[in-house]
């Protein structure tokens, strides 16, 4: 089964794309935080691929807090960390209530803006057993000036983290990535970062051929699936 469902987050209706594996399960669950283009073809394709690997995946539309007629950039600018955390929590509760999901095996992942949302979710929610972030810019600032940034709350992370970054990216830059990794290691977190040469931002996004790097994208996919399968105890 795959398609759209509706949940409520912060008292507001939130549409989400859900993709389920075959078989009755129960399966590990994933919250898939979208990139700045929202729940688009890229997000749906990746959710379907994750379901094909055995993960029941839900991708919430974080832009539900804004007028649907607003531009993408306006919707992005309007996001608040409290909104994003509530969206993540609504998905966690939906997964835990789903009989086809193992409530003790839930992970969080995302690209670009969704990579930042991944770190935010990991520092605000104790449900996750694994996190995977791709080119997660913006981690050093809060959205909506609502308190500490995700980076400043890294001490709250209580699960292993894997990250994927391009050496030609500028947000996050290689220095930013080093800073993220160093802080996670300083705090004693389980962290595994992978860096790709001749690779910039959004290297997984096949919808943008000028940015897409197939080799880097597929290597990160294989590593991420293996990481999630290991830490969420995927049964094959």
Protein backbone atom coordinates (compact mmCIF):
# COMPACT_ATOMS: atom_id res chain seq x y z
CA UNK A 1 0.00 0.00 0.00
CA UNK A 2 1.18 3.51 -0.79
CA UNK A 3 -0.57 6.83 -0.87
CA UNK A 4 -1.58 9.87 1.12
CA UNK A 5 -3.08 9.89 4.60
CA UNK A 6 -3.99 12.77 6.90
CA UNK A 7 -2.82 13.25 10.48
CA UNK A 8 -3.05 16.20 12.86
CA UNK A 9 -0.01 18.05 14.17
CA UNK A 10 -0.21 21.17 16.34
CA UNK A 11 -3.96 20.99 15.81
CA UNK A 12 -3.56 21.39 12.05
CA UNK A 13 -4.32 18.78 9.38
CA UNK A 14 -1.11 17.33 7.93
CA UNK A 15 -0.97 15.27 4.76
CA UNK A 16 1.62 12.50 4.68
CA UNK A 17 2.84 10.04 2.08
CA UNK A 18 2.95 6.45 3.35
CA UNK A 19 4.62 3.50 1.66
CA UNK A 20 4.33 0.04 3.17
CA UNK A 21 6.35 -3.14 2.58
CA UNK A 22 4.71 -6.33 1.44
CA UNK A 23 3.81 -8.85 4.10
CA UNK A 24 1.97 -8.40 7.37
CA UNK A 25 5.05 -7.48 9.39
CA UNK A 26 5.48 -6.06 11.88
CA UNK A 27 8.14 -3.97 10.16
CA UNK A 28 10.60 -1.33 11.33
CA UNK A 29 9.18 2.16 10.85
CA UNK A 30 10.76 5.26 9.36
CA UNK A 31 9.87 8.93 9.47
CA UNK A 32 11.21 10.47 6.27
CA UNK A 33 11.67 14.26 6.53
CA UNK A 34 11.35 15.94 3.14
CA UNK A 35 13.78 18.32 1.47
CA UNK A 36 12.89 21.90 0.56
CA UNK A 37 10.81 20.80 -2.43
CA UNK A 38 8.35 19.04 -0.13
CA UNK A 39 6.71 15.66 -0.62
CA UNK A 40 7.58 15.56 -4.30
CA UNK A 41 8.50 12.78 -6.71
CA UNK A 42 11.95 12.41 -5.17
CA UNK A 43 10.48 11.98 -1.68
CA UNK A 44 7.88 9.48 -2.88
CA UNK A 45 10.40 7.45 -4.88
CA UNK A 46 12.75 7.21 -1.91
CA UNK A 47 9.88 6.29 0.42
CA UNK A 48 8.88 3.52 -1.99
CA UNK A 49 12.48 2.29 -2.18
CA UNK A 50 12.69 2.20 1.59
CA UNK A 51 9.44 0.24 1.75
CA UNK A 52 10.90 -2.14 -0.81
CA UNK A 53 13.75 -2.78 1.63
CA UNK A 54 11.29 -3.65 4.42
CA UNK A 55 10.74 -0.31 6.21
CA UNK A 56 7.22 1.05 6.64
CA UNK A 57 7.80 4.71 5.80
CA UNK A 58 5.84 7.90 6.43
CA UNK A 59 6.83 11.26 4.94
CA UNK A 60 4.96 14.21 6.49
CA UNK A 61 4.33 17.46 4.63
CA UNK A 62 5.95 20.03 6.91
CA UNK A 63 4.51 22.83 4.80
CA UNK A 64 0.99 22.16 6.07
CA UNK A 65 1.41 25.06 8.51
CA UNK A 66 1.33 27.53 5.59
CA UNK A 67 -1.28 28.55 3.05
CA UNK A 68 -1.17 26.09 0.16
CA UNK A 69 -0.94 28.97 -2.31
CA UNK A 70 2.26 30.34 -0.76
CA UNK A 71 5.54 29.89 -2.59
CA UNK A 72 7.93 27.18 -1.55
CA UNK A 73 10.37 29.71 -0.14
CA UNK A 74 7.65 31.45 1.84
CA UNK A 75 6.55 28.12 3.31
CA UNK A 76 10.11 27.28 4.21
CA UNK A 77 10.66 30.67 5.84
CA UNK A 78 7.50 30.22 7.93
CA UNK A 79 8.64 26.93 9.46
CA UNK A 80 9.31 26.83 13.19
CA UNK A 81 11.24 24.21 15.12
CA UNK A 82 8.21 23.62 17.34
CA UNK A 83 6.16 22.90 14.20
CA UNK A 84 8.73 20.46 12.85
CA UNK A 85 9.10 18.65 16.16
CA UNK A 86 5.32 18.30 16.42
CA UNK A 87 5.14 16.92 12.88
CA UNK A 88 7.77 14.33 13.71
CA UNK A 89 6.00 13.36 16.93
CA UNK A 90 2.66 12.93 15.14
CA UNK A 91 4.32 10.50 12.74
CA UNK A 92 5.97 8.62 15.59
CA UNK A 93 2.64 8.19 17.34
CA UNK A 94 1.02 7.00 14.10
CA UNK A 95 3.79 4.44 13.59
CA UNK A 96 3.54 3.20 17.18
CA UNK A 97 -0.21 2.75 16.82
CA UNK A 98 0.14 0.83 13.56
CA UNK A 99 -0.01 -2.95 14.15
CA UNK A 100 2.24 -3.48 11.12
CA UNK A 101 5.07 -1.51 12.76
CA UNK A 102 7.45 -2.51 15.54
CA UNK A 103 7.17 0.42 17.90
CA UNK A 104 10.62 -0.21 19.32
CA UNK A 105 12.28 0.00 15.89
CA UNK A 106 11.70 3.48 14.49
CA UNK A 107 14.25 5.58 12.60
CA UNK A 108 14.39 9.09 11.18
CA UNK A 109 16.04 10.30 7.99
CA UNK A 110 16.07 13.17 5.54
CA UNK A 111 17.90 15.20 2.91
CA UNK A 112 18.85 18.89 2.90
CA UNK A 113 16.20 20.66 4.98
CA UNK A 114 15.06 17.16 5.95
CA UNK A 115 18.58 16.38 7.13
CA UNK A 116 18.30 19.30 9.53
CA UNK A 117 14.83 18.09 10.55
CA UNK A 118 16.42 14.73 11.23
CA UNK A 119 18.84 16.24 13.73
CA UNK A 120 16.02 18.29 15.25
CA UNK A 121 13.90 15.17 15.63
CA UNK A 122 16.74 13.25 17.23
CA UNK A 123 17.34 15.97 19.84
CA UNK A 124 13.65 16.44 20.69
CA UNK A 125 12.29 12.89 20.54
CA UNK A 126 13.52 9.79 22.36
CA UNK A 127 11.64 7.31 20.14
CA UNK A 128 14.33 6.91 17.51
CA UNK A 129 16.81 4.05 17.36
CA UNK A 130 18.72 5.37 14.33
CA UNK A 131 19.09 8.58 12.34
CA UNK A 132 20.41 9.24 8.82
CA UNK A 133 21.06 12.73 7.46
CA UNK A 134 22.15 13.90 4.00
CA UNK A 135 23.74 17.34 3.42
CA UNK A 136 22.00 18.83 6.46
CA UNK A 137 22.52 22.58 6.23
CA UNK A 138 21.23 25.04 8.81
CA UNK A 139 21.93 22.98 11.93
CA UNK A 140 23.67 25.85 13.72
CA UNK A 141 20.57 28.09 13.89
CA UNK A 142 17.06 27.64 15.21
CA UNK A 143 13.96 28.15 13.09
CA UNK A 144 11.65 30.81 14.50
CA UNK A 145 14.19 31.78 17.16
CA UNK A 146 12.60 29.22 19.45
CA UNK A 147 15.55 28.36 21.62
CA UNK A 148 18.73 26.39 20.98
CA UNK A 149 19.67 25.12 17.54
CA UNK A 150 19.77 21.38 16.79
CA UNK A 151 23.57 21.56 17.05
CA UNK A 152 23.38 23.06 20.52
CA UNK A 153 21.18 20.15 21.62
CA UNK A 154 23.29 17.30 20.26
CA UNK A 155 23.76 16.01 23.82
CA UNK A 156 20.10 14.86 23.68
CA UNK A 157 20.73 12.39 20.85
CA UNK A 158 20.38 8.83 22.15
CA UNK A 159 20.83 6.72 19.01
CA UNK A 160 23.46 6.07 16.32
CA UNK A 161 23.72 8.60 13.50
CA UNK A 162 25.00 8.29 9.94
CA UNK A 163 25.63 11.28 7.68
CA UNK A 164 26.42 11.85 4.00
CA UNK A 165 28.05 15.00 2.65
CA UNK A 166 29.56 16.42 -0.53
CA UNK A 167 33.00 17.95 -0.38
CA UNK A 168 31.93 20.68 -2.82
CA UNK A 169 28.87 21.67 -0.80
CA UNK A 170 28.63 25.12 0.77
CA UNK A 171 25.69 24.50 3.14
CA UNK A 172 26.93 22.57 4.97
CA UNK A 173 30.50 23.28 3.97
CA UNK A 174 33.24 20.72 4.68
CA UNK A 175 34.20 22.81 7.73
CA UNK A 176 30.58 22.70 8.92
CA UNK A 177 30.52 18.93 8.50
CA UNK A 178 33.74 18.59 10.47
CA UNK A 179 32.20 20.70 13.22
CA UNK A 180 29.06 18.54 13.34
CA UNK A 181 31.10 15.35 13.48
CA UNK A 182 33.54 16.67 16.09
CA UNK A 183 30.72 17.71 18.41
CA UNK A 184 28.96 14.36 18.13
CA UNK A 185 32.21 12.57 18.88
CA UNK A 186 33.02 14.92 21.76
CA UNK A 187 29.68 14.02 23.29
CA UNK A 188 30.38 10.31 22.90
CA UNK A 189 27.67 9.69 20.31
CA UNK A 190 27.79 6.81 17.85
CA UNK A 191 28.47 8.61 14.57
CA UNK A 192 29.48 7.56 11.06
CA UNK A 193 30.02 10.27 8.44
CA UNK A 194 30.77 9.72 4.76
CA UNK A 195 32.16 12.42 2.48
CA UNK A 196 32.16 12.39 -1.33
CA UNK A 197 34.67 14.10 -3.59
CA UNK A 198 33.50 16.02 -6.67
CA UNK A 199 30.05 16.13 -5.09
CA UNK A 200 27.99 19.12 -4.02
CA UNK A 201 24.62 19.76 -2.45
CA UNK A 202 21.52 17.69 -3.31
CA UNK A 203 23.60 14.96 -4.90
CA UNK A 204 20.84 12.38 -4.40
CA UNK A 205 18.19 14.39 -6.22
CA UNK A 206 17.68 12.80 -9.63
CA UNK A 207 15.21 15.59 -10.50
CA UNK A 208 18.15 18.00 -10.78
CA UNK A 209 20.66 16.45 -13.21
CA UNK A 210 23.12 19.28 -12.68
CA UNK A 211 23.42 18.32 -9.00
CA UNK A 212 22.80 14.57 -9.13
CA UNK A 213 25.82 12.33 -8.68
CA UNK A 214 24.75 8.75 -9.22
CA UNK A 215 27.84 7.14 -7.70
CA UNK A 216 27.67 9.18 -4.50
CA UNK A 217 23.88 8.81 -4.29
CA UNK A 218 23.86 5.05 -4.67
CA UNK A 219 26.79 4.54 -2.31
CA UNK A 220 24.97 6.59 0.34
CA UNK A 221 21.79 4.60 -0.30
CA UNK A 222 23.51 1.26 0.23
CA UNK A 223 25.26 2.44 3.37
CA UNK A 224 22.12 4.00 4.81
CA UNK A 225 19.96 0.92 4.21
CA UNK A 226 22.58 -1.32 5.81
CA UNK A 227 22.89 1.07 8.77
CA UNK A 228 19.12 1.28 9.30
CA UNK A 229 18.69 -2.47 8.89
CA UNK A 230 21.37 -3.10 11.50
CA UNK A 231 20.12 -0.68 14.13
CA UNK A 232 16.40 -1.29 13.57
CA UNK A 233 16.95 -5.06 13.48
CA UNK A 234 15.35 -5.55 10.09
CA UNK A 235 14.39 -9.19 9.63
CA UNK A 236 15.12 -10.49 6.15
